[in-house]
C-alpha atoms as a PDB file:
ATOM      1  CA  MET A   1      -8.290  -4.523  -5.514  1.00  0.00           C
ATOM      2  CA  ASN A   2     -10.360  -2.392  -4.498  1.00  0.00           C
ATOM      3  CA  PRO A   3     -10.316  -0.256  -1.448  1.00  0.00           C
ATOM      4  CA  ASP A   4     -13.670  -0.026  -0.296  1.00  0.00           C
ATOM      5  CA  LYS A   5     -13.436  -3.112   0.515  1.00  0.00           C
ATOM      6  CA  ILE A   6     -10.538  -2.648   3.387  1.00  0.00           C
ATOM      7  CA  GLU A   7     -12.535  -1.021   6.920  1.00  0.00           C
ATOM      8  CA  LEU A   8     -10.083   1.472   8.384  1.00  0.00           C
ATOM      9  CA  GLU A   9     -11.590   0.629  12.128  1.00  0.00           C
ATOM     10  CA  ASN A  10     -10.013   4.564  13.512  1.00  0.00           C
ATOM     11  CA  LEU A  11     -11.888   7.254  13.179  1.00  0.00           C
ATOM     12  CA  SER A  12      -9.027   9.023  11.842  1.00  0.00           C
ATOM     13  CA  LYS A  13      -6.933   7.006   9.789  1.00  0.00           C
ATOM     14  CA  SER A  14     -10.945   6.880   7.666  1.00  0.00           C
ATOM     15  CA  PHE A  15     -11.126  11.096   7.818  1.00  0.00           C
ATOM     16  CA  GLU A  16      -6.759  10.587   6.484  1.00  0.00           C
ATOM     17  CA  TYR A  17      -7.349   7.687   4.415  1.00  0.00           C
ATOM     18  CA  PHE A  18     -10.582  10.058   2.643  1.00  0.00           C
ATOM     19  CA  LYS A  19      -8.501  13.068   1.908  1.00  0.00           C
ATOM     20  CA  VAL A  20      -5.581  11.143   0.200  1.00  0.00           C
ATOM     21  CA  ALA A  21      -7.837   9.240  -1.740  1.00  0.00           C
ATOM     22  CA  GLN A  22      -9.405  12.482  -2.972  1.00  0.00           C
ATOM     23  CA  GLU A  23      -6.050  14.416  -4.064  1.00  0.00           C
ATOM     24  CA  ILE A  24      -5.015  11.055  -5.402  1.00  0.00           C
ATOM     25  CA  ASP A  25      -8.616  11.016  -7.873  1.00  0.00           C
ATOM     26  CA  SER A  26      -7.731  14.616  -8.850  1.00  0.00           C
ATOM     27  CA  ILE A  27      -4.004  13.522 -10.196  1.00  0.00           C
ATOM     28  CA  ASP A  28      -3.874  13.493 -13.893  1.00  0.00           C
ATOM     29  CA  ASP A  29      -0.299  12.287 -14.827  1.00  0.00           C
ATOM     30  CA  ILE A  30       0.484   8.357 -14.653  1.00  0.00           C
ATOM     31  CA  ASP A  31       3.445   8.576 -14.131  1.00  0.00           C
ATOM     32  CA  TYR A  32       3.185  10.883 -11.665  1.00  0.00           C
ATOM     33  CA  ILE A  33       1.025   7.842 -10.061  1.00  0.00           C
ATOM     34  CA  LYS A  34       3.284   5.324 -10.841  1.00  0.00           C
ATOM     35  CA  ASN A  35       5.847   6.383  -8.843  1.00  0.00           C
ATOM     36  CA  ILE A  36       4.314   6.696  -5.531  1.00  0.00           C
ATOM     37  CA  ALA A  37       2.702   2.938  -6.258  1.00  0.00           C
ATOM     38  CA  LYS A  38       6.537   2.005  -6.480  1.00  0.00           C
ATOM     39  CA  SER A  39       7.696   4.199  -3.283  1.00  0.00           C
ATOM     40  CA  TYR A  40       5.088   2.966  -1.429  1.00  0.00           C
ATOM     41  CA  TYR A  41       5.765  -0.598  -2.250  1.00  0.00           C
ATOM     42  CA  LYS A  42       9.411  -0.010  -1.865  1.00  0.00           C
ATOM     43  CA  LEU A  43       8.965   1.422   1.721  1.00  0.00           C
ATOM     44  CA  TYR A  44       6.515  -1.192   2.062  1.00  0.00           C
ATOM     45  CA  LEU A  45       9.451  -3.944   1.118  1.00  0.00           C
ATOM     46  CA  LYS A  46      12.149  -1.556   3.429  1.00  0.00           C
ATOM     47  CA  GLN A  47       9.197  -2.217   6.334  1.00  0.00           C
ATOM     48  CA  GLN A  48       9.511  -5.531   6.576  1.00  0.00           C
ATOM     49  CA  GLU A  49      13.521  -5.348   6.598  1.00  0.00           C
ATOM     50  CA  VAL A  50      12.975  -3.420   9.633  1.00  0.00           C
ATOM     51  CA  LEU A  51      10.824  -5.756  11.361  1.00  0.00           C
ATOM     52  CA  VAL A  52      13.188  -8.653  10.405  1.00  0.00           C
ATOM     53  CA  GLN A  53      15.840  -7.282  11.852  1.00  0.00           C
ATOM     54  CA  LEU A  54      14.058  -6.076  14.768  1.00  0.00           C
ATOM     55  CA  GLY A  55      12.911  -9.936  15.233  1.00  0.00           C
ATOM     56  CA  VAL A  56       8.847  -9.025  14.474  1.00  0.00           C
ATOM     57  CA  SER A  57       8.668 -11.057  11.543  1.00  0.00           C
ATOM     58  CA  ASN A  58      10.779 -13.783   9.475  1.00  0.00           C
ATOM     59  CA  GLY A  59      10.084 -11.704   6.042  1.00  0.00           C
ATOM     60  CA  LYS A  60       8.434 -13.997   4.345  1.00  0.00           C
ATOM     61  CA  GLN A  61       5.300 -12.151   4.520  1.00  0.00           C
ATOM     62  CA  HIS A  62       5.929  -9.412   1.822  1.00  0.00           C
ATOM     63  CA  ASP A  63       5.901 -12.334  -0.954  1.00  0.00           C
ATOM     64  CA  ASN A  64       3.066 -13.064  -0.613  1.00  0.00           C
ATOM     65  CA  LEU A  65       0.992  -9.886  -0.066  1.00  0.00           C
ATOM     66  CA  TRP A  66       2.487  -8.360  -3.537  1.00  0.00           C
ATOM     67  CA  TYR A  67       1.122 -11.558  -5.820  1.00  0.00           C
ATOM     68  CA  ARG A  68      -1.860 -11.001  -4.450  1.00  0.00           C
ATOM     69  CA  VAL A  69      -1.787  -7.585  -5.381  1.00  0.00           C
ATOM     70  CA  ARG A  70      -0.065  -8.295  -8.906  1.00  0.00           C
ATOM     71  CA  ASN A  71      -2.728 -10.635  -9.515  1.00  0.00           C
ATOM     72  CA  SER A  72      -6.018  -8.232  -8.791  1.00  0.00           C
ATOM     73  CA  LEU A  73      -4.149  -5.288 -10.085  1.00  0.00           C
ATOM     74  CA  CYS A  74      -4.178  -7.796 -13.257  1.00  0.00           C
ATOM     75  CA  CYS A  75      -6.360  -9.528 -13.861  1.00  0.00           C
END
């Protein structure tokens, strides 16, 4: 998965991404990075649960997304 292929339209969000990307690039501890990735994904799943509770989603979108992310990281 290449984050450069994802376009952010909002300038402030682009700037925020740039700042965080620099911080991530400076991290040398791979276990720390793994925990960030796991936490991010778990928060995404929690968001999906909340959206289902609010009636905004049927809860099946995350399966498709995770499959695509996993395949882009593995291959």
